[in-house]
């Protein structure tokens, strides 16, 4: 029995030695791999404990810059402040420690941001690219004239305007623009159809209201800033009527004349009135 055990141990030892001898040609490769593993582990621990790749800057790129007037400038400042608050805790972290998806979603839900993208830039930056929502008008409720409800270019109702900056966009006066989505959509189309320049430009529109008391003149009414003219457009063929009214306003301007009321509720004609109808 003992001789069998000794013989078994000798055979086992020979087998192990034979295995090691066969591995001898590969010894440099094994040692090299172990050395690389040690170096990689040391480097990872060193970088993880240091702040070499810590986020140092987060540039903000605007796909569409908001700088057209007081309201847009105020919204731009609000967006920058909101994004700054979201990125405060990120500064000093390493890129691989940051969940970009969650961070992007936290920015995307900010009220005036339509689209947001975030990408890593080696070695220590994140770049934020945003597409903001532009203000088109503000709705003024009849019962609470001090409460302003902005709407975007797409007709979306935005959060209540609480800034001390007075909006320099057309005012939609009346609760009907809050309650009636279809009418609000038509009002948005009307404002977007206004020319960029001239007496009838968006910048020269003080307010827009919806007249429904008189069935014969039911429709949109525009009040200009200068000259102080009321324009009655009715509720159809708005773009055609705007073009005709623009020609009338330009003619009156060249003649040095003013008209308190321009009635274009009819598709066939434009009536210039010397006074408001009772």
Foldseek 3Di string as FASTA:
>chain_A
DVVVVVVVVVVVVVVVVVVVVVCVVVVVVVVVVVVVVVVVVVVVVVCVVDLPQFADEEAEAEPDQQDDDDVSVVVVVVLVVQLCVLCVVRGSHHPVVDDQVVSLVSSCPDFFWPHKDWDDDPRHYIYIYTYTFAWAEWEAEPVHRVWTWTATLQRHTTDIDDDPDDDQFAYEYYCCCVVPSVVVVLVSVLLVLFDCDAQRHRSQWHYKYFDDPDVVQGGIWTAGNPPGAIEGAAHPPNNLLNVVVRVVVVVCVVVVHDANYWYNNDVPDIDGHNDDDD
